[in-house]
Amino acid sequence: MTAVMHFIEDPDDPWGMVARYMSAMPPGSYLALSHATFDKLPPRAVQTIDDIYKNATSRIWLRSRKDIERFFSGLEMVPPYAGASPGLTFVGSWGAEDPEQADSDGSRVLCCAVARRP
Protein backbone atom coordinates (compact mmCIF):
# COMPACT_ATOMS: atom_id res chain seq x y z
CA MET A 1 0.00 0.00 0.00
CA THR A 2 2.49 2.55 -1.11
CA ALA A 3 1.27 6.14 -1.40
CA VAL A 4 -2.39 5.12 -0.99
CA MET A 5 -3.61 5.60 2.59
CA HIS A 6 -2.88 9.33 2.71
CA PHE A 7 -5.86 9.77 0.39
CA ILE A 8 -8.26 8.27 2.97
CA GLU A 9 -9.55 10.75 5.53
CA ASP A 10 -9.76 9.97 9.25
CA PRO A 11 -13.59 9.58 9.42
CA ASP A 12 -13.32 6.76 6.85
CA ASP A 13 -11.00 4.90 9.26
CA PRO A 14 -7.92 4.15 7.13
CA TRP A 15 -6.40 2.21 10.06
CA GLY A 16 -9.41 -0.09 10.19
CA MET A 17 -9.18 -0.63 6.42
CA VAL A 18 -5.56 -1.79 6.70
CA ALA A 19 -6.34 -3.96 9.74
CA ARG A 20 -9.20 -5.68 7.88
CA TYR A 21 -6.98 -6.20 4.84
CA MET A 22 -4.20 -7.75 6.92
CA SER A 23 -6.62 -9.95 8.86
CA ALA A 24 -7.65 -11.49 5.53
CA MET A 25 -4.02 -12.28 4.69
CA PRO A 26 -2.40 -15.54 5.86
CA PRO A 27 0.14 -15.45 8.69
CA GLY A 28 3.59 -14.68 7.34
CA SER A 29 2.23 -12.12 4.85
CA TYR A 30 3.87 -8.72 4.68
CA LEU A 31 2.50 -5.20 4.54
CA ALA A 32 4.56 -2.56 2.74
CA LEU A 33 3.13 0.89 3.31
CA SER A 34 4.30 4.42 2.63
CA HIS A 35 2.43 7.54 3.69
CA ALA A 36 2.88 11.29 3.30
CA THR A 37 3.83 13.10 6.50
CA PHE A 38 4.38 16.63 7.75
CA ASP A 39 7.03 15.54 10.28
CA LYS A 40 10.38 17.25 9.68
CA LEU A 41 9.05 19.28 6.74
CA PRO A 42 9.26 23.07 6.75
CA PRO A 43 5.84 24.74 7.22
CA ARG A 44 6.07 26.26 3.73
CA ALA A 45 6.45 22.79 2.17
CA VAL A 46 3.45 21.49 4.13
CA GLN A 47 1.37 24.45 2.96
CA THR A 48 2.46 23.93 -0.65
CA ILE A 49 1.48 20.24 -0.55
CA ASP A 50 -1.87 21.13 1.00
CA ASP A 51 -2.51 23.87 -1.60
CA ILE A 52 -1.72 21.55 -4.52
CA TYR A 53 -4.09 18.84 -3.31
CA LYS A 54 -6.96 21.24 -2.54
CA ASN A 55 -7.56 21.37 -6.29
CA ALA A 56 -7.00 17.66 -6.97
CA THR A 57 -9.68 15.00 -7.30
CA SER A 58 -8.56 13.57 -3.94
CA ARG A 59 -7.32 15.58 -1.00
CA ILE A 60 -4.13 14.44 0.74
CA TRP A 61 -4.10 13.80 4.49
CA LEU A 62 -0.61 14.35 5.86
CA ARG A 63 -0.26 12.40 9.09
CA SER A 64 2.21 12.32 11.94
CA ARG A 65 4.73 9.55 12.46
CA LYS A 66 2.62 8.32 15.40
CA ASP A 67 -0.50 8.08 13.23
CA ILE A 68 1.40 6.29 10.46
CA GLU A 69 2.80 3.77 12.95
CA ARG A 70 -0.80 2.86 13.85
CA PHE A 71 -1.16 1.15 10.45
CA PHE A 72 1.32 -1.49 11.68
CA SER A 73 -0.45 -2.30 14.95
CA GLY A 74 -0.20 -6.01 15.73
CA LEU A 75 2.40 -6.60 13.02
CA GLU A 76 6.12 -7.33 13.34
CA MET A 77 8.09 -4.47 11.80
CA VAL A 78 11.28 -5.28 9.92
CA PRO A 79 14.49 -3.20 10.01
CA PRO A 80 14.58 -0.59 7.22
CA TYR A 81 18.32 -1.11 6.57
CA ALA A 82 21.20 -3.19 7.87
CA GLY A 83 21.94 -2.46 11.52
CA ALA A 84 18.70 -0.52 12.12
CA SER A 85 16.03 -1.33 14.66
CA PRO A 86 12.69 -2.44 13.22
CA GLY A 87 10.36 0.47 12.57
CA LEU A 88 9.17 3.34 10.47
CA THR A 89 11.66 5.41 8.47
CA PHE A 90 11.64 8.06 5.78
CA VAL A 91 11.55 6.60 2.27
CA GLY A 92 15.01 7.90 1.43
CA SER A 93 16.48 5.82 4.23
CA TRP A 94 14.76 2.53 3.30
CA GLY A 95 17.42 0.05 2.24
CA ALA A 96 20.13 2.70 2.46
CA GLU A 97 23.76 1.67 2.68
CA ASP A 98 24.52 5.04 4.32
CA PRO A 99 21.34 6.21 6.13
CA GLU A 100 22.79 9.59 7.13
CA GLN A 101 23.73 10.41 3.56
CA ALA A 102 20.37 9.14 2.27
CA ASP A 103 18.42 11.45 4.58
CA SER A 104 17.42 14.68 2.82
CA ASP A 105 14.54 17.15 2.75
CA GLY A 106 13.17 15.40 -0.34
CA SER A 107 13.19 11.99 1.32
CA ARG A 108 11.15 13.23 4.30
CA VAL A 109 7.85 13.67 2.47
CA LEU A 110 6.96 10.00 2.93
CA CYS A 111 7.41 7.57 5.81
CA CYS A 112 7.48 3.87 5.11
CA ALA A 113 7.84 0.47 6.69
CA VAL A 114 7.44 -3.22 6.01
CA ALA A 115 5.87 -5.49 8.60
CA ARG A 116 4.99 -9.16 8.86
CA ARG A 117 1.72 -10.60 10.05
CA PRO A 118 2.58 -13.10 12.81
C-alpha atoms as a PDB file:
ATOM      1  CA  MET A   1       0.000   0.000   0.000  1.00  0.00           C
ATOM      2  CA  THR A   2       2.490   2.547  -1.114  1.00  0.00           C
ATOM      3  CA  ALA A   3       1.266   6.135  -1.396  1.00  0.00           C
ATOM      4  CA  VAL A   4      -2.395   5.120  -0.987  1.00  0.00           C
ATOM      5  CA  MET A   5      -3.608   5.601   2.591  1.00  0.00           C
ATOM      6  CA  HIS A   6      -2.876   9.331   2.715  1.00  0.00           C
ATOM      7  CA  PHE A   7      -5.862   9.766   0.391  1.00  0.00           C
ATOM      8  CA  ILE A   8      -8.263   8.269   2.975  1.00  0.00           C
ATOM      9  CA  GLU A   9      -9.545  10.751   5.533  1.00  0.00           C
ATOM     10  CA  ASP A  10      -9.763   9.970   9.254  1.00  0.00           C
ATOM     11  CA  PRO A  11     -13.594   9.583   9.423  1.00  0.00           C
ATOM     12  CA  ASP A  12     -13.320   6.758   6.845  1.00  0.00           C
ATOM     13  CA  ASP A  13     -10.999   4.895   9.258  1.00  0.00           C
ATOM     14  CA  PRO A  14      -7.922   4.154   7.129  1.00  0.00           C
ATOM     15  CA  TRP A  15      -6.405   2.208  10.062  1.00  0.00           C
ATOM     16  CA  GLY A  16      -9.415  -0.093  10.190  1.00  0.00           C
ATOM     17  CA  MET A  17      -9.175  -0.635   6.422  1.00  0.00           C
ATOM     18  CA  VAL A  18      -5.560  -1.787   6.704  1.00  0.00           C
ATOM     19  CA  ALA A  19      -6.336  -3.963   9.739  1.00  0.00           C
ATOM     20  CA  ARG A  20      -9.195  -5.680   7.876  1.00  0.00           C
ATOM     21  CA  TYR A  21      -6.983  -6.195   4.836  1.00  0.00           C
ATOM     22  CA  MET A  22      -4.202  -7.745   6.923  1.00  0.00           C
ATOM     23  CA  SER A  23      -6.618  -9.952   8.865  1.00  0.00           C
ATOM     24  CA  ALA A  24      -7.651 -11.492   5.531  1.00  0.00           C
ATOM     25  CA  MET A  25      -4.021 -12.283   4.685  1.00  0.00           C
ATOM     26  CA  PRO A  26      -2.396 -15.536   5.859  1.00  0.00           C
ATOM     27  CA  PRO A  27       0.142 -15.453   8.686  1.00  0.00           C
ATOM     28  CA  GLY A  28       3.593 -14.684   7.343  1.00  0.00           C
ATOM     29  CA  SER A  29       2.234 -12.125   4.854  1.00  0.00           C
ATOM     30  CA  TYR A  30       3.869  -8.716   4.681  1.00  0.00           C
ATOM     31  CA  LEU A  31       2.497  -5.196   4.537  1.00  0.00           C
ATOM     32  CA  ALA A  32       4.559  -2.560   2.739  1.00  0.00           C
ATOM     33  CA  LEU A  33       3.127   0.891   3.309  1.00  0.00           C
ATOM     34  CA  SER A  34       4.303   4.421   2.631  1.00  0.00           C
ATOM     35  CA  HIS A  35       2.431   7.537   3.688  1.00  0.00           C
ATOM     36  CA  ALA A  36       2.880  11.293   3.300  1.00  0.00           C
ATOM     37  CA  THR A  37       3.835  13.101   6.497  1.00  0.00           C
ATOM     38  CA  PHE A  38       4.382  16.626   7.752  1.00  0.00           C
ATOM     39  CA  ASP A  39       7.026  15.535  10.276  1.00  0.00           C
ATOM     40  CA  LYS A  40      10.385  17.248   9.684  1.00  0.00           C
ATOM     41  CA  LEU A  41       9.046  19.277   6.744  1.00  0.00           C
ATOM     42  CA  PRO A  42       9.258  23.068   6.747  1.00  0.00           C
ATOM     43  CA  PRO A  43       5.841  24.740   7.217  1.00  0.00           C
ATOM     44  CA  ARG A  44       6.071  26.256   3.732  1.00  0.00           C
ATOM     45  CA  ALA A  45       6.451  22.791   2.175  1.00  0.00           C
ATOM     46  CA  VAL A  46       3.452  21.488   4.131  1.00  0.00           C
ATOM     47  CA  GLN A  47       1.373  24.453   2.960  1.00  0.00           C
ATOM     48  CA  THR A  48       2.457  23.926  -0.648  1.00  0.00           C
ATOM     49  CA  ILE A  49       1.479  20.243  -0.552  1.00  0.00           C
ATOM     50  CA  ASP A  50      -1.871  21.127   0.999  1.00  0.00           C
ATOM     51  CA  ASP A  51      -2.506  23.871  -1.598  1.00  0.00           C
ATOM     52  CA  ILE A  52      -1.720  21.548  -4.515  1.00  0.00           C
ATOM     53  CA  TYR A  53      -4.092  18.835  -3.311  1.00  0.00           C
ATOM     54  CA  LYS A  54      -6.956  21.237  -2.537  1.00  0.00           C
ATOM     55  CA  ASN A  55      -7.558  21.371  -6.294  1.00  0.00           C
ATOM     56  CA  ALA A  56      -7.001  17.665  -6.971  1.00  0.00           C
ATOM     57  CA  THR A  57      -9.682  15.005  -7.296  1.00  0.00           C
ATOM     58  CA  SER A  58      -8.555  13.567  -3.940  1.00  0.00           C
ATOM     59  CA  ARG A  59      -7.316  15.576  -0.996  1.00  0.00           C
ATOM     60  CA  ILE A  60      -4.134  14.442   0.740  1.00  0.00           C
ATOM     61  CA  TRP A  61      -4.102  13.803   4.487  1.00  0.00           C
ATOM     62  CA  LEU A  62      -0.615  14.353   5.863  1.00  0.00           C
ATOM     63  CA  ARG A  63      -0.257  12.402   9.091  1.00  0.00           C
ATOM     64  CA  SER A  64       2.213  12.317  11.943  1.00  0.00           C
ATOM     65  CA  ARG A  65       4.727   9.547  12.463  1.00  0.00           C
ATOM     66  CA  LYS A  66       2.623   8.320  15.405  1.00  0.00           C
ATOM     67  CA  ASP A  67      -0.500   8.078  13.229  1.00  0.00           C
ATOM     68  CA  ILE A  68       1.398   6.288  10.457  1.00  0.00           C
ATOM     69  CA  GLU A  69       2.804   3.772  12.947  1.00  0.00           C
ATOM     70  CA  ARG A  70      -0.802   2.865  13.851  1.00  0.00           C
ATOM     71  CA  PHE A  71      -1.155   1.148  10.454  1.00  0.00           C
ATOM     72  CA  PHE A  72       1.317  -1.488  11.675  1.00  0.00           C
ATOM     73  CA  SER A  73      -0.449  -2.297  14.947  1.00  0.00           C
ATOM     74  CA  GLY A  74      -0.201  -6.015  15.735  1.00  0.00           C
ATOM     75  CA  LEU A  75       2.397  -6.602  13.020  1.00  0.00           C
ATOM     76  CA  GLU A  76       6.120  -7.331  13.343  1.00  0.00           C
ATOM     77  CA  MET A  77       8.089  -4.470  11.803  1.00  0.00           C
ATOM     78  CA  VAL A  78      11.284  -5.275   9.923  1.00  0.00           C
ATOM     79  CA  PRO A  79      14.486  -3.201  10.008  1.00  0.00           C
ATOM     80  CA  PRO A  80      14.578  -0.585   7.219  1.00  0.00           C
ATOM     81  CA  TYR A  81      18.318  -1.108   6.568  1.00  0.00           C
ATOM     82  CA  ALA A  82      21.199  -3.195   7.872  1.00  0.00           C
ATOM     83  CA  GLY A  83      21.941  -2.460  11.518  1.00  0.00           C
ATOM     84  CA  ALA A  84      18.701  -0.522  12.125  1.00  0.00           C
ATOM     85  CA  SER A  85      16.028  -1.332  14.657  1.00  0.00           C
ATOM     86  CA  PRO A  86      12.686  -2.436  13.222  1.00  0.00           C
ATOM     87  CA  GLY A  87      10.362   0.470  12.567  1.00  0.00           C
ATOM     88  CA  LEU A  88       9.172   3.344  10.467  1.00  0.00           C
ATOM     89  CA  THR A  89      11.657   5.405   8.469  1.00  0.00           C
ATOM     90  CA  PHE A  90      11.645   8.060   5.780  1.00  0.00           C
ATOM     91  CA  VAL A  91      11.554   6.595   2.270  1.00  0.00           C
ATOM     92  CA  GLY A  92      15.013   7.902   1.429  1.00  0.00           C
ATOM     93  CA  SER A  93      16.479   5.817   4.233  1.00  0.00           C
ATOM     94  CA  TRP A  94      14.759   2.534   3.304  1.00  0.00           C
ATOM     95  CA  GLY A  95      17.423   0.048   2.242  1.00  0.00           C
ATOM     96  CA  ALA A  96      20.131   2.704   2.460  1.00  0.00           C
ATOM     97  CA  GLU A  97      23.757   1.673   2.681  1.00  0.00           C
ATOM     98  CA  ASP A  98      24.518   5.042   4.319  1.00  0.00           C
ATOM     99  CA  PRO A  99      21.340   6.209   6.131  1.00  0.00           C
ATOM    100  CA  GLU A 100      22.788   9.592   7.125  1.00  0.00           C
ATOM    101  CA  GLN A 101      23.727  10.413   3.560  1.00  0.00           C
ATOM    102  CA  ALA A 102      20.370   9.136   2.270  1.00  0.00           C
ATOM    103  CA  ASP A 103      18.421  11.452   4.582  1.00  0.00           C
ATOM    104  CA  SER A 104      17.417  14.679   2.821  1.00  0.00           C
ATOM    105  CA  ASP A 105      14.541  17.152   2.749  1.00  0.00           C
ATOM    106  CA  GLY A 106      13.173  15.401  -0.344  1.00  0.00           C
ATOM    107  CA  SER A 107      13.190  11.988   1.325  1.00  0.00           C
ATOM    108  CA  ARG A 108      11.146  13.227   4.296  1.00  0.00           C
ATOM    109  CA  VAL A 109       7.845  13.669   2.470  1.00  0.00           C
ATOM    110  CA  LEU A 110       6.958   9.998   2.930  1.00  0.00           C
ATOM    111  CA  CYS A 111       7.412   7.575   5.812  1.00  0.00           C
ATOM    112  CA  CYS A 112       7.481   3.871   5.106  1.00  0.00           C
ATOM    113  CA  ALA A 113       7.838   0.468   6.689  1.00  0.00           C
ATOM    114  CA  VAL A 114       7.438  -3.215   6.010  1.00  0.00           C
ATOM    115  CA  ALA A 115       5.875  -5.489   8.602  1.00  0.00           C
ATOM    116  CA  ARG A 116       4.986  -9.162   8.858  1.00  0.00           C
ATOM    117  CA  ARG A 117       1.725 -10.605  10.050  1.00  0.00           C
ATOM    118  CA  PRO A 118       2.581 -13.101  12.811  1.00  0.00           C
END
